[in-house]
Structures are given as C-alpha cells and as structure tokens.
Amino acid sequence: SRGLEVEGNIFIKIKSLIPLITPLLFSSISEVEQRALALEVRAFSSPNPKTSILKIKDSLPQKIFRIVTLLLCLILIIYKFYLVIF
C-alpha cells in the first residue's frame, strides 16, 4: 500500500493502520445514519397501516373511458384469435 509503513512489530503495524481505518469507519457510520433517517422518514417502523394522503375517486367520464377501452381491447383480442382460427 502507498504510504503505509509495514516494517516493525505487530503494534507498529496496527498503529500505522489507524489513519487508514478512521475515515472508513466515519464514512460507514455516516452512511448508516443516513439510511436509518431515510427509513424513519418513510415510517418503516410504524405499527400503523400505510395510507395515502388523498383518495382520488374516478369521475364518470373516466369510468366510462376505462370500460370502453377494456371492451375495445377484448374485442380486438377476440377478433385477432377469430382470424387466426378461421
């Protein structure tokens, strides 16, 4: 490793590792703290059931459009299979 003195007894080797390990430990602790805050903000530990802010109800035109679109898709699928069979 660059800049790491590895000569000497075990205590000198361990002492020379401290400046290399310290930033790693601090960044790991910081990352864990950020993840814990993110989980807490999203209420992962909450015993209550998850809810949304608003319940949006479909209007009548939206319901009609959805039904018409579904029927058109079904008609096209049936028509496609009918053409393949005959």
C-alpha atoms as a PDB file:
ATOM      1  CA  SER A   1       0.000   0.000   0.000  1.00  0.00           C
ATOM      2  CA  ARG A   2       1.111   3.517  -0.656  1.00  0.00           C
ATOM      3  CA  GLY A   3       2.236   5.440   2.398  1.00  0.00           C
ATOM      4  CA  LEU A   4       1.826   2.532   4.803  1.00  0.00           C
ATOM      5  CA  GLU A   5       4.830   1.509   6.831  1.00  0.00           C
ATOM      6  CA  VAL A   6       4.705  -2.242   7.285  1.00  0.00           C
ATOM      7  CA  GLU A   7       8.069  -2.731   8.925  1.00  0.00           C
ATOM      8  CA  GLY A   8       8.342  -3.378  12.630  1.00  0.00           C
ATOM      9  CA  ASN A   9       6.459  -5.435  15.160  1.00  0.00           C
ATOM     10  CA  ILE A  10       2.698  -6.012  15.247  1.00  0.00           C
ATOM     11  CA  PHE A  11       1.997  -2.934  17.381  1.00  0.00           C
ATOM     12  CA  ILE A  12       3.706  -0.627  14.878  1.00  0.00           C
ATOM     13  CA  LYS A  13       1.741  -2.223  12.039  1.00  0.00           C
ATOM     14  CA  ILE A  14      -1.567  -1.769  13.894  1.00  0.00           C
ATOM     15  CA  LYS A  15      -0.643   1.815  14.795  1.00  0.00           C
ATOM     16  CA  SER A  16       0.071   2.573  11.134  1.00  0.00           C
ATOM     17  CA  LEU A  17      -3.382   1.233  10.129  1.00  0.00           C
ATOM     18  CA  ILE A  18      -5.300   3.682  12.344  1.00  0.00           C
ATOM     19  CA  PRO A  19      -5.068   6.652   9.914  1.00  0.00           C
ATOM     20  CA  LEU A  20      -6.293   4.402   7.093  1.00  0.00           C
ATOM     21  CA  ILE A  21      -9.196   2.857   9.002  1.00  0.00           C
ATOM     22  CA  THR A  22     -10.517   6.037  10.659  1.00  0.00           C
ATOM     23  CA  PRO A  23     -12.057   7.618   7.501  1.00  0.00           C
ATOM     24  CA  LEU A  24     -13.586   4.270   6.589  1.00  0.00           C
ATOM     25  CA  LEU A  25     -15.265   3.975   9.990  1.00  0.00           C
ATOM     26  CA  PHE A  26     -16.552   7.555   9.914  1.00  0.00           C
ATOM     27  CA  SER A  27     -17.997   7.178   6.420  1.00  0.00           C
ATOM     28  CA  SER A  28     -19.646   3.880   7.398  1.00  0.00           C
ATOM     29  CA  ILE A  29     -21.252   5.457  10.456  1.00  0.00           C
ATOM     30  CA  SER A  30     -22.453   8.397   8.369  1.00  0.00           C
ATOM     31  CA  GLU A  31     -23.967   6.066   5.758  1.00  0.00           C
ATOM     32  CA  VAL A  32     -25.757   4.008   8.404  1.00  0.00           C
ATOM     33  CA  GLU A  33     -27.152   7.178   9.953  1.00  0.00           C
ATOM     34  CA  GLN A  34     -28.444   8.400   6.571  1.00  0.00           C
ATOM     35  CA  ARG A  35     -30.147   5.071   5.886  1.00  0.00           C
ATOM     36  CA  ALA A  36     -31.704   4.997   9.351  1.00  0.00           C
ATOM     37  CA  LEU A  37     -33.087   8.503   8.858  1.00  0.00           C
ATOM     38  CA  ALA A  38     -34.479   7.575   5.439  1.00  0.00           C
ATOM     39  CA  LEU A  39     -36.241   4.525   6.877  1.00  0.00           C
ATOM     40  CA  GLU A  40     -37.588   6.563   9.773  1.00  0.00           C
ATOM     41  CA  VAL A  41     -38.919   9.292   7.469  1.00  0.00           C
ATOM     42  CA  ARG A  42     -40.716   6.665   5.385  1.00  0.00           C
ATOM     43  CA  ALA A  43     -42.266   5.215   8.571  1.00  0.00           C
ATOM     44  CA  PHE A  44     -40.919   1.700   8.123  1.00  0.00           C
ATOM     45  CA  SER A  45     -41.058   1.109  11.869  1.00  0.00           C
ATOM     46  CA  SER A  46     -44.613   2.440  12.241  1.00  0.00           C
ATOM     47  CA  PRO A  47     -47.145  -0.087  13.590  1.00  0.00           C
ATOM     48  CA  ASN A  48     -49.998   1.734  11.818  1.00  0.00           C
ATOM     49  CA  PRO A  49     -51.161   0.682   8.346  1.00  0.00           C
ATOM     50  CA  LYS A  50     -49.824   2.636   5.389  1.00  0.00           C
ATOM     51  CA  THR A  51     -52.183   5.231   3.948  1.00  0.00           C
ATOM     52  CA  SER A  52     -52.116   7.715   1.117  1.00  0.00           C
ATOM     53  CA  ILE A  53     -52.664  11.429   1.520  1.00  0.00           C
ATOM     54  CA  LEU A  54     -55.731  11.620  -0.703  1.00  0.00           C
ATOM     55  CA  LYS A  55     -58.211   9.110  -2.014  1.00  0.00           C
ATOM     56  CA  ILE A  56     -58.928  10.077  -5.589  1.00  0.00           C
ATOM     57  CA  LYS A  57     -62.236   8.869  -6.942  1.00  0.00           C
ATOM     58  CA  ASP A  58     -62.751   8.370 -10.657  1.00  0.00           C
ATOM     59  CA  SER A  59     -65.226  10.648 -12.352  1.00  0.00           C
ATOM     60  CA  LEU A  60     -67.990   9.231 -14.524  1.00  0.00           C
ATOM     61  CA  PRO A  61     -66.165  10.017 -17.813  1.00  0.00           C
ATOM     62  CA  GLN A  62     -63.061   8.230 -16.511  1.00  0.00           C
ATOM     63  CA  LYS A  63     -65.083   5.151 -15.600  1.00  0.00           C
ATOM     64  CA  ILE A  64     -66.799   5.137 -18.998  1.00  0.00           C
ATOM     65  CA  PHE A  65     -63.478   5.571 -20.813  1.00  0.00           C
ATOM     66  CA  ARG A  66     -61.929   2.714 -18.825  1.00  0.00           C
ATOM     67  CA  ILE A  67     -64.812   0.360 -19.619  1.00  0.00           C
ATOM     68  CA  VAL A  68     -64.836   1.312 -23.318  1.00  0.00           C
ATOM     69  CA  THR A  69     -61.063   0.825 -23.559  1.00  0.00           C
ATOM     70  CA  LEU A  70     -61.294  -2.569 -21.874  1.00  0.00           C
ATOM     71  CA  LEU A  71     -64.100  -3.649 -24.197  1.00  0.00           C
ATOM     72  CA  LEU A  72     -62.162  -2.491 -27.262  1.00  0.00           C
ATOM     73  CA  CYS A  73     -59.111  -4.458 -26.149  1.00  0.00           C
ATOM     74  CA  LEU A  74     -61.205  -7.572 -25.586  1.00  0.00           C
ATOM     75  CA  ILE A  75     -62.893  -7.174 -28.974  1.00  0.00           C
ATOM     76  CA  LEU A  76     -59.524  -6.790 -30.699  1.00  0.00           C
ATOM     77  CA  ILE A  77     -58.106  -9.853 -28.947  1.00  0.00           C
ATOM     78  CA  ILE A  78     -61.152 -11.962 -29.807  1.00  0.00           C
ATOM     79  CA  TYR A  79     -61.101 -10.680 -33.400  1.00  0.00           C
ATOM     80  CA  LYS A  80     -57.383 -11.494 -33.714  1.00  0.00           C
ATOM     81  CA  PHE A  81     -57.906 -15.073 -32.484  1.00  0.00           C
ATOM     82  CA  TYR A  82     -61.000 -15.456 -34.650  1.00  0.00           C
ATOM     83  CA  LEU A  83     -58.965 -14.515 -37.747  1.00  0.00           C
ATOM     84  CA  VAL A  84     -56.184 -16.932 -36.816  1.00  0.00           C
ATOM     85  CA  ILE A  85     -58.561 -19.838 -36.271  1.00  0.00           C
ATOM     86  CA  PHE A  86     -60.628 -19.327 -39.455  1.00  0.00           C
END
